[in-house]
Amino acid sequence: MDAHALRRQGWTISAIARHLGRDRQTIRDYLNGKKVPGQRRQAPDAFVPFLEYCRRRLADDPHLWASTLFDEVRELGYQGG
């Protein structure tokens, strides 16, 4: 049974949370439409700010080594792997 159905039956948020094994704030967010059950929050992609630079570099030199491009992007501030 989902949180909305239990709430319609008069259950408290605390009771729903205990019954479903979730945090009260999570249940509150579900009921208020801030979260959707089964969908994880997406972390922002740290590479997006460097995407256009990489596209330009590869257009200028299609044979550019990936390791060279990676080094350049790291110098620009990319901290990913």
Protein backbone atom coordinates (compact mmCIF):
# COMPACT_ATOMS: atom_id res chain seq x y z
CA MET A 1 0.00 0.00 0.00
CA ASP A 2 1.34 3.46 -0.78
CA ALA A 3 1.69 6.46 1.50
CA HIS A 4 -1.17 8.38 -0.13
CA ALA A 5 -3.65 5.58 0.45
CA LEU A 6 -2.61 5.26 4.08
CA ARG A 7 -2.90 9.02 4.57
CA ARG A 8 -6.42 8.97 3.09
CA GLN A 9 -7.29 6.32 5.65
CA GLY A 10 -6.26 8.73 8.39
CA TRP A 11 -2.82 7.38 9.25
CA THR A 12 -0.31 9.84 10.68
CA ILE A 13 2.95 10.57 8.91
CA SER A 14 4.85 8.86 11.74
CA ALA A 15 2.69 5.73 11.49
CA ILE A 16 3.10 5.60 7.71
CA ALA A 17 6.87 6.01 8.05
CA ARG A 18 7.09 3.17 10.58
CA HIS A 19 4.84 0.93 8.48
CA LEU A 20 6.79 1.52 5.26
CA GLY A 21 10.22 1.61 6.91
CA ARG A 22 10.98 5.14 5.71
CA ASP A 23 11.96 8.41 7.36
CA ARG A 24 9.13 10.77 8.34
CA GLN A 25 10.57 13.57 6.20
CA THR A 26 10.68 11.25 3.20
CA ILE A 27 7.00 10.37 3.67
CA ARG A 28 6.17 14.05 4.10
CA ASP A 29 8.00 14.83 0.85
CA TYR A 30 6.11 12.03 -0.96
CA LEU A 31 2.78 13.34 0.27
CA ASN A 32 3.63 16.94 -0.66
CA GLY A 33 4.81 15.93 -4.14
CA LYS A 34 8.46 16.92 -3.56
CA LYS A 35 9.68 13.35 -4.18
CA VAL A 36 8.44 10.44 -6.26
CA PRO A 37 8.77 6.94 -4.79
CA GLY A 38 11.34 4.85 -6.61
CA GLN A 39 13.18 7.77 -8.21
CA ARG A 40 16.59 8.73 -6.88
CA ARG A 41 17.74 12.30 -6.83
CA GLN A 42 20.14 13.03 -9.69
CA ALA A 43 23.44 14.57 -8.75
CA PRO A 44 24.53 17.37 -11.09
CA ASP A 45 27.03 16.22 -13.69
CA ALA A 46 30.39 17.86 -12.98
CA PHE A 47 31.50 17.41 -16.60
CA VAL A 48 28.79 19.55 -18.22
CA PRO A 49 30.74 22.85 -17.91
CA PHE A 50 33.62 21.28 -19.86
CA LEU A 51 31.56 19.62 -22.57
CA GLU A 52 31.65 22.48 -25.08
CA TYR A 53 35.42 22.83 -24.67
CA CYS A 54 35.88 19.13 -25.44
CA ARG A 55 33.63 19.36 -28.48
CA ARG A 56 35.63 22.29 -29.86
CA ARG A 57 38.97 20.59 -29.22
CA LEU A 58 37.85 17.38 -30.92
CA ALA A 59 36.44 19.34 -33.88
CA ASP A 60 39.78 21.16 -34.24
CA ASP A 61 41.82 17.96 -33.93
CA PRO A 62 39.86 14.71 -34.42
CA HIS A 63 43.00 12.68 -33.67
CA LEU A 64 43.57 14.29 -30.26
CA TRP A 65 44.51 11.72 -27.67
CA ALA A 66 42.02 11.24 -24.89
CA SER A 67 44.78 11.48 -22.27
CA THR A 68 45.83 14.88 -23.66
CA LEU A 69 42.27 16.16 -23.63
CA PHE A 70 41.83 14.83 -20.10
CA ASP A 71 44.96 16.68 -18.95
CA GLU A 72 43.69 19.90 -20.52
CA VAL A 73 40.29 19.59 -18.87
CA ARG A 74 41.93 18.87 -15.51
CA GLU A 75 43.96 22.09 -15.89
CA LEU A 76 40.68 23.94 -16.46
CA GLY A 77 39.36 22.66 -13.13
CA TYR A 78 37.64 19.34 -13.81
CA GLN A 79 38.09 17.11 -10.77
CA GLY A 80 36.46 13.92 -12.00
CA GLY A 81 38.09 10.77 -13.25
